[in-house]
Amino acid sequence: MIIAVIALAVGVVLGVLVDVNVPVGLQPYLPIAVVAALDALFGGVRAHLDGAFDDKQFTISFISNVLVAGLIVYLGDQLGVGAQLSTGVVVVLGIRIFSNAAAIRRRLFSA
């Protein structure tokens, strides 16, 4: 647990100190990647609270969520319907995030 907290602190510090420039071609995919990463993060927290957390499964879920979401948006861009597929990905992942957040809330507060 302490390693995760240290890694989080190091990541936040690096995020504040390092100026990252995202290439223009990848900028449309960054918000989708962030939402997909948040989905995996909330799923991992829920699994931890349920006593079913597996670090290997979390890592694979995190990476595959980001890649699949990005691939869907890329294919949408190639087909000319990128905005619609981006919206669809955000809606689906948003529903999953709120579902996991509700489960976390119920678990933590018994409500």
N, C-alpha and C. Protein backbone atom coordinates (compact mmCIF):
# COMPACT_ATOMS: atom_id res chain seq x y z
N MET A 1 0.83 -1.20 0.00
CA MET A 1 0.00 0.00 0.00
C MET A 1 0.87 1.25 0.00
N ILE A 2 1.94 1.22 0.77
CA ILE A 2 2.81 2.39 0.86
C ILE A 2 3.51 2.65 -0.47
N ILE A 3 3.80 1.58 -1.21
CA ILE A 3 4.43 1.76 -2.52
C ILE A 3 3.48 2.48 -3.47
N ALA A 4 2.20 2.15 -3.40
CA ALA A 4 1.21 2.81 -4.26
C ALA A 4 1.10 4.29 -3.92
N VAL A 5 1.14 4.63 -2.65
CA VAL A 5 1.04 6.03 -2.24
C VAL A 5 2.29 6.80 -2.69
N ILE A 6 3.46 6.18 -2.55
CA ILE A 6 4.70 6.82 -2.99
C ILE A 6 4.68 7.01 -4.51
N ALA A 7 4.25 5.99 -5.24
CA ALA A 7 4.17 6.09 -6.70
C ALA A 7 3.20 7.18 -7.12
N LEU A 8 2.08 7.29 -6.42
CA LEU A 8 1.10 8.34 -6.72
C LEU A 8 1.71 9.72 -6.47
N ALA A 9 2.41 9.88 -5.36
CA ALA A 9 3.04 11.16 -5.04
C ALA A 9 4.10 11.52 -6.08
N VAL A 10 4.92 10.56 -6.46
CA VAL A 10 5.95 10.81 -7.48
C VAL A 10 5.29 11.18 -8.80
N GLY A 11 4.21 10.48 -9.17
CA GLY A 11 3.51 10.79 -10.41
C GLY A 11 2.92 12.18 -10.42
N VAL A 12 2.34 12.60 -9.30
CA VAL A 12 1.76 13.94 -9.20
C VAL A 12 2.86 14.99 -9.31
N VAL A 13 3.96 14.79 -8.61
CA VAL A 13 5.08 15.74 -8.65
C VAL A 13 5.63 15.84 -10.07
N LEU A 14 5.84 14.70 -10.71
CA LEU A 14 6.33 14.72 -12.10
C LEU A 14 5.34 15.40 -13.03
N GLY A 15 4.06 15.14 -12.82
CA GLY A 15 3.04 15.77 -13.66
C GLY A 15 3.02 17.28 -13.53
N VAL A 16 3.34 17.78 -12.34
CA VAL A 16 3.36 19.23 -12.11
C VAL A 16 4.64 19.84 -12.66
N LEU A 17 5.76 19.15 -12.50
CA LEU A 17 7.06 19.72 -12.86
C LEU A 17 7.43 19.57 -14.33
N VAL A 18 7.02 18.49 -14.95
CA VAL A 18 7.43 18.21 -16.33
C VAL A 18 6.40 18.79 -17.29
N ASP A 19 6.89 19.54 -18.27
CA ASP A 19 6.02 20.12 -19.29
C ASP A 19 5.90 19.13 -20.44
N VAL A 20 4.75 18.50 -20.55
CA VAL A 20 4.53 17.49 -21.58
C VAL A 20 3.78 18.13 -22.73
N ASN A 21 4.32 17.97 -23.92
CA ASN A 21 3.65 18.46 -25.12
C ASN A 21 3.11 17.27 -25.89
N VAL A 22 1.80 17.20 -25.99
CA VAL A 22 1.15 16.12 -26.73
C VAL A 22 1.11 16.51 -28.21
N PRO A 23 1.58 15.62 -29.08
CA PRO A 23 1.53 15.94 -30.51
C PRO A 23 0.10 16.23 -30.97
N VAL A 24 -0.03 17.12 -31.91
CA VAL A 24 -1.34 17.57 -32.39
C VAL A 24 -2.18 16.38 -32.87
N GLY A 25 -1.56 15.42 -33.52
CA GLY A 25 -2.30 14.27 -34.04
C GLY A 25 -2.89 13.38 -32.94
N LEU A 26 -2.31 13.42 -31.75
CA LEU A 26 -2.80 12.59 -30.64
C LEU A 26 -3.73 13.34 -29.70
N GLN A 27 -3.84 14.65 -29.84
CA GLN A 27 -4.66 15.43 -28.92
C GLN A 27 -6.13 15.02 -28.87
N PRO A 28 -6.76 14.62 -29.97
CA PRO A 28 -8.16 14.19 -29.87
C PRO A 28 -8.35 12.91 -29.04
N TYR A 29 -7.29 12.13 -28.90
CA TYR A 29 -7.39 10.85 -28.21
C TYR A 29 -7.07 10.96 -26.71
N LEU A 30 -6.46 12.04 -26.30
CA LEU A 30 -6.05 12.20 -24.90
C LEU A 30 -7.24 12.20 -23.93
N PRO A 31 -8.31 12.96 -24.18
CA PRO A 31 -9.44 12.91 -23.24
C PRO A 31 -10.07 11.52 -23.14
N ILE A 32 -10.14 10.81 -24.25
CA ILE A 32 -10.69 9.46 -24.24
C ILE A 32 -9.79 8.54 -23.43
N ALA A 33 -8.49 8.69 -23.59
CA ALA A 33 -7.54 7.86 -22.84
C ALA A 33 -7.65 8.14 -21.34
N VAL A 34 -7.85 9.40 -20.97
CA VAL A 34 -7.98 9.75 -19.55
C VAL A 34 -9.26 9.14 -18.96
N VAL A 35 -10.36 9.22 -19.70
CA VAL A 35 -11.61 8.63 -19.21
C VAL A 35 -11.48 7.11 -19.09
N ALA A 36 -10.82 6.48 -20.06
CA ALA A 36 -10.62 5.03 -20.00
C ALA A 36 -9.72 4.66 -18.81
N ALA A 37 -8.71 5.47 -18.55
CA ALA A 37 -7.83 5.22 -17.40
C ALA A 37 -8.60 5.39 -16.09
N LEU A 38 -9.46 6.39 -16.02
CA LEU A 38 -10.28 6.59 -14.82
C LEU A 38 -11.22 5.41 -14.60
N ASP A 39 -11.75 4.85 -15.68
CA ASP A 39 -12.61 3.68 -15.56
C ASP A 39 -11.84 2.52 -14.94
N ALA A 40 -10.64 2.28 -15.42
CA ALA A 40 -9.82 1.19 -14.86
C ALA A 40 -9.45 1.48 -13.41
N LEU A 41 -9.17 2.73 -13.10
CA LEU A 41 -8.80 3.11 -11.73
C LEU A 41 -9.96 2.87 -10.77
N PHE A 42 -11.16 3.31 -11.12
CA PHE A 42 -12.31 3.10 -10.27
C PHE A 42 -12.64 1.61 -10.14
N GLY A 43 -12.48 0.88 -11.22
CA GLY A 43 -12.67 -0.56 -11.16
C GLY A 43 -11.68 -1.23 -10.23
N GLY A 44 -10.43 -0.75 -10.25
CA GLY A 44 -9.41 -1.29 -9.36
C GLY A 44 -9.70 -0.99 -7.90
N VAL A 45 -10.17 0.22 -7.62
CA VAL A 45 -10.53 0.58 -6.24
C VAL A 45 -11.69 -0.28 -5.76
N ARG A 46 -12.68 -0.46 -6.62
CA ARG A 46 -13.83 -1.30 -6.26
C ARG A 46 -13.37 -2.73 -5.99
N ALA A 47 -12.52 -3.27 -6.85
CA ALA A 47 -12.03 -4.64 -6.66
C ALA A 47 -11.24 -4.75 -5.36
N HIS A 48 -10.45 -3.73 -5.05
CA HIS A 48 -9.68 -3.74 -3.79
C HIS A 48 -10.62 -3.77 -2.59
N LEU A 49 -11.65 -2.95 -2.62
CA LEU A 49 -12.60 -2.92 -1.50
C LEU A 49 -13.39 -4.23 -1.39
N ASP A 50 -13.61 -4.90 -2.52
CA ASP A 50 -14.32 -6.18 -2.50
C ASP A 50 -13.40 -7.35 -2.19
N GLY A 51 -12.10 -7.06 -2.06
CA GLY A 51 -11.14 -8.12 -1.74
C GLY A 51 -10.79 -8.99 -2.93
N ALA A 52 -11.01 -8.48 -4.14
CA ALA A 52 -10.76 -9.26 -5.35
C ALA A 52 -9.71 -8.61 -6.25
N PHE A 53 -8.89 -7.72 -5.70
CA PHE A 53 -7.92 -6.98 -6.52
C PHE A 53 -6.77 -7.89 -6.92
N ASP A 54 -6.41 -7.81 -8.19
CA ASP A 54 -5.26 -8.53 -8.72
C ASP A 54 -4.44 -7.53 -9.53
N ASP A 55 -3.19 -7.31 -9.14
CA ASP A 55 -2.40 -6.28 -9.79
C ASP A 55 -2.16 -6.57 -11.27
N LYS A 56 -1.99 -7.83 -11.63
CA LYS A 56 -1.79 -8.18 -13.04
C LYS A 56 -3.04 -7.87 -13.85
N GLN A 57 -4.19 -8.24 -13.32
CA GLN A 57 -5.46 -7.97 -14.00
C GLN A 57 -5.70 -6.47 -14.11
N PHE A 58 -5.37 -5.72 -13.05
CA PHE A 58 -5.54 -4.27 -13.08
C PHE A 58 -4.66 -3.64 -14.17
N THR A 59 -3.41 -4.06 -14.23
CA THR A 59 -2.49 -3.50 -15.23
C THR A 59 -2.98 -3.79 -16.64
N ILE A 60 -3.39 -5.02 -16.89
CA ILE A 60 -3.89 -5.38 -18.22
C ILE A 60 -5.17 -4.62 -18.53
N SER A 61 -6.05 -4.49 -17.55
CA SER A 61 -7.30 -3.75 -17.74
C SER A 61 -7.01 -2.28 -18.04
N PHE A 62 -6.09 -1.69 -17.31
CA PHE A 62 -5.74 -0.29 -17.49
C PHE A 62 -5.23 -0.05 -18.91
N ILE A 63 -4.26 -0.84 -19.33
CA ILE A 63 -3.66 -0.66 -20.65
C ILE A 63 -4.66 -0.97 -21.76
N SER A 64 -5.40 -2.07 -21.61
CA SER A 64 -6.34 -2.44 -22.68
C SER A 64 -7.50 -1.45 -22.78
N ASN A 65 -7.98 -0.90 -21.65
CA ASN A 65 -9.04 0.11 -21.71
C ASN A 65 -8.59 1.32 -22.53
N VAL A 66 -7.39 1.79 -22.25
CA VAL A 66 -6.87 2.97 -22.95
C VAL A 66 -6.69 2.66 -24.44
N LEU A 67 -6.10 1.51 -24.73
CA LEU A 67 -5.85 1.17 -26.14
C LEU A 67 -7.14 0.93 -26.92
N VAL A 68 -8.08 0.20 -26.34
CA VAL A 68 -9.34 -0.08 -27.05
C VAL A 68 -10.14 1.20 -27.26
N ALA A 69 -10.21 2.04 -26.24
CA ALA A 69 -10.94 3.31 -26.40
C ALA A 69 -10.30 4.17 -27.48
N GLY A 70 -8.98 4.25 -27.47
CA GLY A 70 -8.28 5.01 -28.50
C GLY A 70 -8.48 4.43 -29.89
N LEU A 71 -8.47 3.10 -29.97
CA LEU A 71 -8.68 2.44 -31.26
C LEU A 71 -10.09 2.69 -31.80
N ILE A 72 -11.08 2.65 -30.93
CA ILE A 72 -12.45 2.93 -31.37
C ILE A 72 -12.58 4.34 -31.92
N VAL A 73 -11.98 5.30 -31.22
CA VAL A 73 -12.05 6.70 -31.68
C VAL A 73 -11.26 6.86 -32.98
N TYR A 74 -10.11 6.20 -33.09
CA TYR A 74 -9.32 6.26 -34.32
C TYR A 74 -10.11 5.71 -35.50
N LEU A 75 -10.74 4.55 -35.29
CA LEU A 75 -11.55 3.99 -36.37
C LEU A 75 -12.71 4.91 -36.73
N GLY A 76 -13.30 5.54 -35.73
CA GLY A 76 -14.36 6.50 -35.99
C GLY A 76 -13.87 7.68 -36.81
N ASP A 77 -12.67 8.14 -36.51
CA ASP A 77 -12.08 9.24 -37.30
C ASP A 77 -11.85 8.80 -38.74
N GLN A 78 -11.39 7.58 -38.92
CA GLN A 78 -11.14 7.07 -40.28
C GLN A 78 -12.44 6.92 -41.06
N LEU A 79 -13.52 6.60 -40.36
CA LEU A 79 -14.82 6.43 -41.02
C LEU A 79 -15.60 7.74 -41.14
N GLY A 80 -15.09 8.80 -40.51
CA GLY A 80 -15.77 10.09 -40.57
C GLY A 80 -16.83 10.28 -39.50
N VAL A 81 -16.86 9.42 -38.52
CA VAL A 81 -17.84 9.53 -37.43
C VAL A 81 -17.13 9.57 -36.07
N GLY A 82 -15.96 10.20 -36.05
CA GLY A 82 -15.15 10.22 -34.84
C GLY A 82 -15.83 10.87 -33.65
N ALA A 83 -16.55 11.96 -33.89
CA ALA A 83 -17.21 12.67 -32.78
C ALA A 83 -18.29 11.80 -32.16
N GLN A 84 -19.04 11.10 -32.99
CA GLN A 84 -20.11 10.25 -32.47
C GLN A 84 -19.55 9.07 -31.67
N LEU A 85 -18.50 8.46 -32.18
CA LEU A 85 -17.90 7.34 -31.44
C LEU A 85 -17.20 7.82 -30.18
N SER A 86 -16.61 9.01 -30.23
CA SER A 86 -16.00 9.58 -29.02
C SER A 86 -17.06 9.78 -27.95
N THR A 87 -18.19 10.31 -28.35
CA THR A 87 -19.29 10.51 -27.41
C THR A 87 -19.76 9.18 -26.85
N GLY A 88 -19.89 8.19 -27.71
CA GLY A 88 -20.32 6.87 -27.26
C GLY A 88 -19.36 6.25 -26.27
N VAL A 89 -18.06 6.37 -26.53
CA VAL A 89 -17.05 5.83 -25.62
C VAL A 89 -17.13 6.54 -24.27
N VAL A 90 -17.25 7.85 -24.29
CA VAL A 90 -17.31 8.61 -23.04
C VAL A 90 -18.57 8.24 -22.25
N VAL A 91 -19.69 8.07 -22.94
CA VAL A 91 -20.94 7.71 -22.25
C VAL A 91 -20.81 6.33 -21.61
N VAL A 92 -20.33 5.35 -22.35
CA VAL A 92 -20.20 3.99 -21.81
C VAL A 92 -19.23 3.97 -20.64
N LEU A 93 -18.07 4.58 -20.82
CA LEU A 93 -17.09 4.58 -19.73
C LEU A 93 -17.59 5.41 -18.55
N GLY A 94 -18.32 6.49 -18.83
CA GLY A 94 -18.88 7.30 -17.76
C GLY A 94 -19.88 6.52 -16.93
N ILE A 95 -20.71 5.72 -17.60
CA ILE A 95 -21.66 4.88 -16.88
C ILE A 95 -20.92 3.89 -15.99
N ARG A 96 -19.85 3.29 -16.52
CA ARG A 96 -19.06 2.35 -15.72
C ARG A 96 -18.40 3.04 -14.54
N ILE A 97 -17.88 4.26 -14.76
CA ILE A 97 -17.24 5.00 -13.67
C ILE A 97 -18.25 5.30 -12.57
N PHE A 98 -19.43 5.79 -12.94
CA PHE A 98 -20.44 6.11 -11.92
C PHE A 98 -20.96 4.85 -11.23
N SER A 99 -21.05 3.75 -11.96
CA SER A 99 -21.47 2.49 -11.35
C SER A 99 -20.44 2.03 -10.31
N ASN A 100 -19.17 2.10 -10.68
CA ASN A 100 -18.11 1.74 -9.73
C ASN A 100 -18.06 2.70 -8.56
N ALA A 101 -18.26 3.99 -8.82
CA ALA A 101 -18.25 4.97 -7.73
C ALA A 101 -19.40 4.71 -6.76
N ALA A 102 -20.56 4.33 -7.28
CA ALA A 102 -21.70 4.01 -6.42
C ALA A 102 -21.40 2.77 -5.58
N ALA A 103 -20.77 1.77 -6.18
CA ALA A 103 -20.41 0.56 -5.43
C ALA A 103 -19.37 0.88 -4.36
N ILE A 104 -18.44 1.76 -4.67
CA ILE A 104 -17.42 2.18 -3.69
C ILE A 104 -18.09 2.92 -2.55
N ARG A 105 -19.00 3.82 -2.88
CA ARG A 105 -19.71 4.57 -1.85
C ARG A 105 -20.51 3.65 -0.95
N ARG A 106 -21.23 2.70 -1.56
CA ARG A 106 -22.00 1.74 -0.75
C ARG A 106 -21.09 0.93 0.16
N ARG A 107 -19.95 0.54 -0.37
CA ARG A 107 -19.01 -0.29 0.42
C ARG A 107 -18.41 0.51 1.58
N LEU A 108 -18.02 1.76 1.32
CA LEU A 108 -17.36 2.57 2.34
C LEU A 108 -18.32 3.09 3.39
N PHE A 109 -19.52 3.49 2.95
CA PHE A 109 -20.46 4.16 3.86
C PHE A 109 -21.68 3.30 4.19
N SER A 110 -21.71 2.09 3.70
CA SER A 110 -22.84 1.18 3.92
C SER A 110 -24.18 1.84 3.61
N ALA A 111 -24.18 2.63 2.54
CA ALA A 111 -25.40 3.34 2.17
C ALA A 111 -25.69 3.15 0.69
